[in-house]
PDB file of all heavy atoms in Angstrom:
ATOM      1  N   THR A   1     165.628   8.748  38.010  1.00  0.00           N
ATOM      2  CA  THR A   1     165.409   8.401  36.611  1.00  0.00           C
ATOM      3  C   THR A   1     164.188   7.513  36.450  1.00  0.00           C
ATOM      4  O   THR A   1     163.560   7.504  35.401  1.00  0.00           O
ATOM      5  CB  THR A   1     166.640   7.687  36.048  1.00  0.00           C
ATOM      6  OG1 THR A   1     166.938   6.552  36.877  1.00  0.00           O
ATOM      7  CG2 THR A   1     167.849   8.608  36.036  1.00  0.00           C
ATOM      8  N   ASN A   2     163.852   6.781  37.496  1.00  0.00           N
ATOM      9  CA  ASN A   2     162.685   5.916  37.449  1.00  0.00           C
ATOM     10  C   ASN A   2     161.666   6.421  38.459  1.00  0.00           C
ATOM     11  O   ASN A   2     161.962   6.546  39.641  1.00  0.00           O
ATOM     12  CB  ASN A   2     163.093   4.467  37.796  1.00  0.00           C
ATOM     13  CG  ASN A   2     161.968   3.488  37.547  1.00  0.00           C
ATOM     14  OD1 ASN A   2     160.805   3.865  37.474  1.00  0.00           O
ATOM     15  ND2 ASN A   2     162.324   2.224  37.413  1.00  0.00           N
ATOM     16  N   ARG A   3     160.459   6.744  38.009  1.00  0.00           N
ATOM     17  CA  ARG A   3     159.458   7.303  38.913  1.00  0.00           C
ATOM     18  C   ARG A   3     159.046   6.322  40.000  1.00  0.00           C
ATOM     19  O   ARG A   3     158.421   6.704  40.980  1.00  0.00           O
ATOM     20  CB  ARG A   3     158.229   7.752  38.126  1.00  0.00           C
ATOM     21  CG  ARG A   3     157.462   6.640  37.432  1.00  0.00           C
ATOM     22  CD  ARG A   3     156.353   7.234  36.571  1.00  0.00           C
ATOM     23  NE  ARG A   3     155.604   6.224  35.846  1.00  0.00           N
ATOM     24  CZ  ARG A   3     154.543   5.592  36.329  1.00  0.00           C
ATOM     25  NH1 ARG A   3     154.114   5.878  37.538  1.00  0.00           N
ATOM     26  NH2 ARG A   3     153.912   4.695  35.605  1.00  0.00           N
ATOM     27  N   ASN A   4     159.390   5.025  39.848  1.00  0.00           N
ATOM     28  CA  ASN A   4     159.059   4.045  40.883  1.00  0.00           C
ATOM     29  C   ASN A   4     159.782   4.337  42.192  1.00  0.00           C
ATOM     30  O   ASN A   4     159.373   3.863  43.252  1.00  0.00           O
ATOM     31  CB  ASN A   4     159.413   2.633  40.405  1.00  0.00           C
ATOM     32  CG  ASN A   4     158.505   2.183  39.273  1.00  0.00           C
ATOM     33  OD1 ASN A   4     157.343   2.584  39.210  1.00  0.00           O
ATOM     34  ND2 ASN A   4     159.030   1.372  38.384  1.00  0.00           N
ATOM     35  N   ASP A   5     160.876   5.115  42.120  1.00  0.00           N
ATOM     36  CA  ASP A   5     161.595   5.481  43.348  1.00  0.00           C
ATOM     37  C   ASP A   5     160.687   6.262  44.296  1.00  0.00           C
ATOM     38  O   ASP A   5     160.674   6.031  45.506  1.00  0.00           O
ATOM     39  CB  ASP A   5     162.830   6.320  43.019  1.00  0.00           C
ATOM     40  CG  ASP A   5     163.852   5.534  42.234  1.00  0.00           C
ATOM     41  OD1 ASP A   5     163.912   4.310  42.411  1.00  0.00           O
ATOM     42  OD2 ASP A   5     164.578   6.144  41.433  1.00  0.00           O
ATOM     43  N   ILE A   6     159.942   7.217  43.742  1.00  0.00           N
ATOM     44  CA  ILE A   6     159.027   8.003  44.556  1.00  0.00           C
ATOM     45  C   ILE A   6     157.792   7.192  44.920  1.00  0.00           C
ATOM     46  O   ILE A   6     157.291   7.252  46.050  1.00  0.00           O
ATOM     47  CB  ILE A   6     158.630   9.291  43.818  1.00  0.00           C
ATOM     48  CG1 ILE A   6     159.879  10.147  43.546  1.00  0.00           C
ATOM     49  CG2 ILE A   6     157.621  10.090  44.631  1.00  0.00           C
ATOM     50  CD1 ILE A   6     160.614  10.568  44.788  1.00  0.00           C
ATOM     51  N   LEU A   7     157.281   6.414  43.958  1.00  0.00           N
ATOM     52  CA  LEU A   7     156.080   5.630  44.224  1.00  0.00           C
ATOM     53  C   LEU A   7     156.313   4.610  45.333  1.00  0.00           C
ATOM     54  O   LEU A   7     155.416   4.307  46.113  1.00  0.00           O
ATOM     55  CB  LEU A   7     155.628   4.918  42.944  1.00  0.00           C
ATOM     56  CG  LEU A   7     155.218   5.837  41.787  1.00  0.00           C
ATOM     57  CD1 LEU A   7     154.782   5.014  40.580  1.00  0.00           C
ATOM     58  CD2 LEU A   7     154.103   6.784  42.204  1.00  0.00           C
ATOM     59  N   SER A   8     157.541   4.064  45.421  1.00  0.00           N
ATOM     60  CA  SER A   8     157.836   3.089  46.468  1.00  0.00           C
ATOM     61  C   SER A   8     157.770   3.716  47.849  1.00  0.00           C
ATOM     62  O   SER A   8     157.323   3.096  48.813  1.00  0.00           O
ATOM     63  CB  SER A   8     159.216   2.468  46.238  1.00  0.00           C
ATOM     64  OG  SER A   8     160.221   3.456  46.321  1.00  0.00           O
ATOM     65  N   LEU A   9     158.208   4.992  47.955  1.00  0.00           N
ATOM     66  CA  LEU A   9     158.099   5.701  49.231  1.00  0.00           C
ATOM     67  C   LEU A   9     156.629   5.919  49.591  1.00  0.00           C
ATOM     68  O   LEU A   9     156.236   5.796  50.749  1.00  0.00           O
ATOM     69  CB  LEU A   9     158.830   7.039  49.150  1.00  0.00           C
ATOM     70  CG  LEU A   9     160.350   6.994  48.976  1.00  0.00           C
ATOM     71  CD1 LEU A   9     160.892   8.408  48.825  1.00  0.00           C
ATOM     72  CD2 LEU A   9     161.017   6.301  50.146  1.00  0.00           C
ATOM     73  N   CYS A  10     155.822   6.253  48.583  1.00  0.00           N
ATOM     74  CA  CYS A  10     154.395   6.461  48.834  1.00  0.00           C
ATOM     75  C   CYS A  10     153.734   5.170  49.314  1.00  0.00           C
ATOM     76  O   CYS A  10     152.879   5.187  50.208  1.00  0.00           O
ATOM     77  CB  CYS A  10     153.711   6.944  47.558  1.00  0.00           C
ATOM     78  SG  CYS A  10     154.247   8.569  47.002  1.00  0.00           S
ATOM     79  N   ASP A  11     154.122   4.038  48.720  1.00  0.00           N
ATOM     80  CA  ASP A  11     153.503   2.762  49.073  1.00  0.00           C
ATOM     81  C   ASP A  11     153.804   2.352  50.505  1.00  0.00           C
ATOM     82  O   ASP A  11     153.087   1.543  51.090  1.00  0.00           O
ATOM     83  CB  ASP A  11     153.975   1.665  48.111  1.00  0.00           C
ATOM     84  CG  ASP A  11     153.451   1.889  46.695  1.00  0.00           C
ATOM     85  OD1 ASP A  11     152.434   2.590  46.572  1.00  0.00           O
ATOM     86  OD2 ASP A  11     154.068   1.394  45.747  1.00  0.00           O
ATOM     87  N   MET A  12     154.871   2.896  51.094  1.00  0.00           N
ATOM     88  CA  MET A  12     155.201   2.586  52.484  1.00  0.00           C
ATOM     89  C   MET A  12     154.397   3.446  53.459  1.00  0.00           C
ATOM     90  O   MET A  12     154.636   3.410  54.662  1.00  0.00           O
ATOM     91  CB  MET A  12     156.695   2.814  52.723  1.00  0.00           C
ATOM     92  CG  MET A  12     157.598   1.860  51.946  1.00  0.00           C
ATOM     93  SD  MET A  12     159.334   2.152  52.299  1.00  0.00           S
ATOM     94  CE  MET A  12     159.425   1.672  54.012  1.00  0.00           C
ATOM     95  N   GLU A  13     153.476   4.228  52.923  1.00  0.00           N
ATOM     96  CA  GLU A  13     152.609   5.080  53.743  1.00  0.00           C
ATOM     97  C   GLU A  13     153.399   6.129  54.530  1.00  0.00           C
ATOM     98  O   GLU A  13     152.950   6.602  55.572  1.00  0.00           O
ATOM     99  CB  GLU A  13     151.779   4.233  54.714  1.00  0.00           C
ATOM    100  CG  GLU A  13     150.892   3.204  54.031  1.00  0.00           C
ATOM    101  CD  GLU A  13     149.833   3.854  53.150  1.00  0.00           C
ATOM    102  OE1 GLU A  13     149.374   4.946  53.495  1.00  0.00           O
ATOM    103  OE2 GLU A  13     149.489   3.263  52.110  1.00  0.00           O
ATOM    104  N   LEU A  14     154.581   6.503  54.026  1.00  0.00           N
ATOM    105  CA  LEU A  14     155.379   7.505  54.726  1.00  0.00           C
ATOM    106  C   LEU A  14     154.831   8.910  54.509  1.00  0.00           C
ATOM    107  O   LEU A  14     155.049   9.806  55.322  1.00  0.00           O
ATOM    108  CB  LEU A  14     156.837   7.433  54.256  1.00  0.00           C
ATOM    109  CG  LEU A  14     157.563   6.119  54.565  1.00  0.00           C
ATOM    110  CD1 LEU A  14     158.967   6.149  53.984  1.00  0.00           C
ATOM    111  CD2 LEU A  14     157.631   5.892  56.066  1.00  0.00           C
ATOM    112  N   PHE A  15     154.132   9.117  53.383  1.00  0.00           N
ATOM    113  CA  PHE A  15     153.646  10.454  53.064  1.00  0.00           C
ATOM    114  C   PHE A  15     152.284  10.761  53.688  1.00  0.00           C
ATOM    115  O   PHE A  15     151.734  11.836  53.456  1.00  0.00           O
ATOM    116  CB  PHE A  15     153.543  10.622  51.543  1.00  0.00           C
ATOM    117  CG  PHE A  15     154.877  10.793  50.855  1.00  0.00           C
ATOM    118  CD1 PHE A  15     156.058  10.549  51.536  1.00  0.00           C
ATOM    119  CD2 PHE A  15     154.943  11.188  49.535  1.00  0.00           C
ATOM    120  CE1 PHE A  15     157.282  10.692  50.910  1.00  0.00           C
ATOM    121  CE2 PHE A  15     156.163  11.334  48.898  1.00  0.00           C
ATOM    122  CZ  PHE A  15     157.344  11.084  49.582  1.00  0.00           C
ATOM    123  N   LYS A  16     151.758   9.842  54.453  1.00  0.00           N
ATOM    124  CA  LYS A  16     150.452  10.109  55.053  1.00  0.00           C
ATOM    125  C   LYS A  16     150.526  11.213  56.100  1.00  0.00           C
ATOM    126  O   LYS A  16     149.510  11.809  56.456  1.00  0.00           O
ATOM    127  CB  LYS A  16     149.883   8.838  55.672  1.00  0.00           C
ATOM    128  CG  LYS A  16     150.676   8.298  56.865  1.00  0.00           C
ATOM    129  CD  LYS A  16     150.055   7.021  57.391  1.00  0.00           C
ATOM    130  CE  LYS A  16     150.852   6.471  58.580  1.00  0.00           C
ATOM    131  NZ  LYS A  16     150.261   5.203  59.085  1.00  0.00           N
ATOM    132  N   HIS A  17     151.740  11.494  56.608  1.00  0.00           N
ATOM    133  CA  HIS A  17     151.934  12.570  57.582  1.00  0.00           C
ATOM    134  C   HIS A  17     152.341  13.886  56.907  1.00  0.00           C
ATOM    135  O   HIS A  17     152.518  14.891  57.592  1.00  0.00           O
ATOM    136  CB  HIS A  17     152.998  12.181  58.598  1.00  0.00           C
ATOM    137  CG  HIS A  17     152.732  10.894  59.314  1.00  0.00           C
ATOM    138  ND1 HIS A  17     151.702  10.741  60.214  1.00  0.00           N
ATOM    139  CD2 HIS A  17     153.356   9.686  59.245  1.00  0.00           C
ATOM    140  CE1 HIS A  17     151.707   9.499  60.685  1.00  0.00           C
ATOM    141  NE2 HIS A  17     152.687   8.842  60.106  1.00  0.00           N
ATOM    142  N   THR A  18     152.535  13.883  55.596  1.00  0.00           N
ATOM    143  CA  THR A  18     153.074  15.044  54.891  1.00  0.00           C
ATOM    144  C   THR A  18     152.038  16.158  54.783  1.00  0.00           C
ATOM    145  O   THR A  18     150.924  15.943  54.316  1.00  0.00           O
ATOM    146  CB  THR A  18     153.554  14.643  53.481  1.00  0.00           C
ATOM    147  OG1 THR A  18     154.538  13.619  53.596  1.00  0.00           O
ATOM    148  CG2 THR A  18     154.153  15.833  52.760  1.00  0.00           C
ATOM    149  N   THR A  19     152.442  17.354  55.190  1.00  0.00           N
ATOM    150  CA  THR A  19     151.576  18.526  55.068  1.00  0.00           C
ATOM    151  C   THR A  19     152.083  19.503  54.007  1.00  0.00           C
ATOM    152  O   THR A  19     151.297  20.298  53.491  1.00  0.00           O
ATOM    153  CB  THR A  19     151.469  19.266  56.412  1.00  0.00           C
ATOM    154  OG1 THR A  19     152.787  19.672  56.840  1.00  0.00           O
ATOM    155  CG2 THR A  19     150.843  18.371  57.473  1.00  0.00           C
ATOM    156  N   HIS A  20     153.378  19.457  53.679  1.00  0.00           N
ATOM    157  CA  HIS A  20     153.948  20.356  52.681  1.00  0.00           C
ATOM    158  C   HIS A  20     154.835  19.546  51.729  1.00  0.00           C
ATOM    159  O   HIS A  20     155.738  18.833  52.167  1.00  0.00           O
ATOM    160  CB  HIS A  20     154.762  21.471  53.331  1.00  0.00           C
ATOM    161  CG  HIS A  20     153.932  22.447  54.110  1.00  0.00           C
ATOM    162  ND1 HIS A  20     153.446  22.147  55.369  1.00  0.00           N
ATOM    163  CD2 HIS A  20     153.471  23.691  53.806  1.00  0.00           C
ATOM    164  CE1 HIS A  20     152.741  23.181  55.810  1.00  0.00           C
ATOM    165  NE2 HIS A  20     152.737  24.126  54.883  1.00  0.00           N
ATOM    166  N   LEU A  21     154.557  19.685  50.435  1.00  0.00           N
ATOM    167  CA  LEU A  21     155.258  18.915  49.407  1.00  0.00           C
ATOM    168  C   LEU A  21     155.784  19.862  48.337  1.00  0.00           C
ATOM    169  O   LEU A  21     155.061  20.748  47.870  1.00  0.00           O
ATOM    170  CB  LEU A  21     154.311  17.893  48.774  1.00  0.00           C
ATOM    171  CG  LEU A  21     154.848  17.070  47.609  1.00  0.00           C
ATOM    172  CD1 LEU A  21     155.957  16.137  48.081  1.00  0.00           C
ATOM    173  CD2 LEU A  21     153.722  16.269  46.951  1.00  0.00           C
ATOM    174  N   SER A  22     157.050  19.686  47.941  1.00  0.00           N
ATOM    175  CA  SER A  22     157.654  20.519  46.908  1.00  0.00           C
ATOM    176  C   SER A  22     158.185  19.659  45.770  1.00  0.00           C
ATOM    177  O   SER A  22     158.978  18.744  45.992  1.00  0.00           O
ATOM    178  CB  SER A  22     158.802  21.360  47.483  1.00  0.00           C
ATOM    179  OG  SER A  22     159.458  22.081  46.444  1.00  0.00           O
ATOM    180  N   LEU A  23     157.724  19.964  44.559  1.00  0.00           N
ATOM    181  CA  LEU A  23     158.238  19.353  43.331  1.00  0.00           C
ATOM    182  C   LEU A  23     158.848  20.435  42.442  1.00  0.00           C
ATOM    183  O   LEU A  23     158.957  20.259  41.234  1.00  0.00           O
ATOM    184  CB  LEU A  23     157.118  18.638  42.576  1.00  0.00           C
ATOM    185  CG  LEU A  23     156.329  17.572  43.335  1.00  0.00           C
ATOM    186  CD1 LEU A  23     155.198  17.033  42.484  1.00  0.00           C
ATOM    187  CD2 LEU A  23     157.235  16.428  43.758  1.00  0.00           C
ATOM    188  N   ALA A  24     159.255  21.537  43.040  1.00  0.00           N
ATOM    189  CA  ALA A  24     159.721  22.701  42.290  1.00  0.00           C
ATOM    190  C   ALA A  24     160.903  22.344  41.394  1.00  0.00           C
ATOM    191  O   ALA A  24     161.824  21.640  41.811  1.00  0.00           O
ATOM    192  CB  ALA A  24     160.124  23.820  43.254  1.00  0.00           C
ATOM    193  N   GLY A  25     160.844  22.839  40.154  1.00  0.00           N
ATOM    194  CA  GLY A  25     161.959  22.657  39.241  1.00  0.00           C
ATOM    195  C   GLY A  25     162.012  21.326  38.533  1.00  0.00           C
ATOM    196  O   GLY A  25     163.010  21.023  37.880  1.00  0.00           O
TER     197      GLY A  25
END
């Protein structure tokens, strides 16, 4: 419900290894 949930994961630099991302639906 709060987009900060996803942004907080990004701020931890966890997505720097991500090669495939799905926001489908």
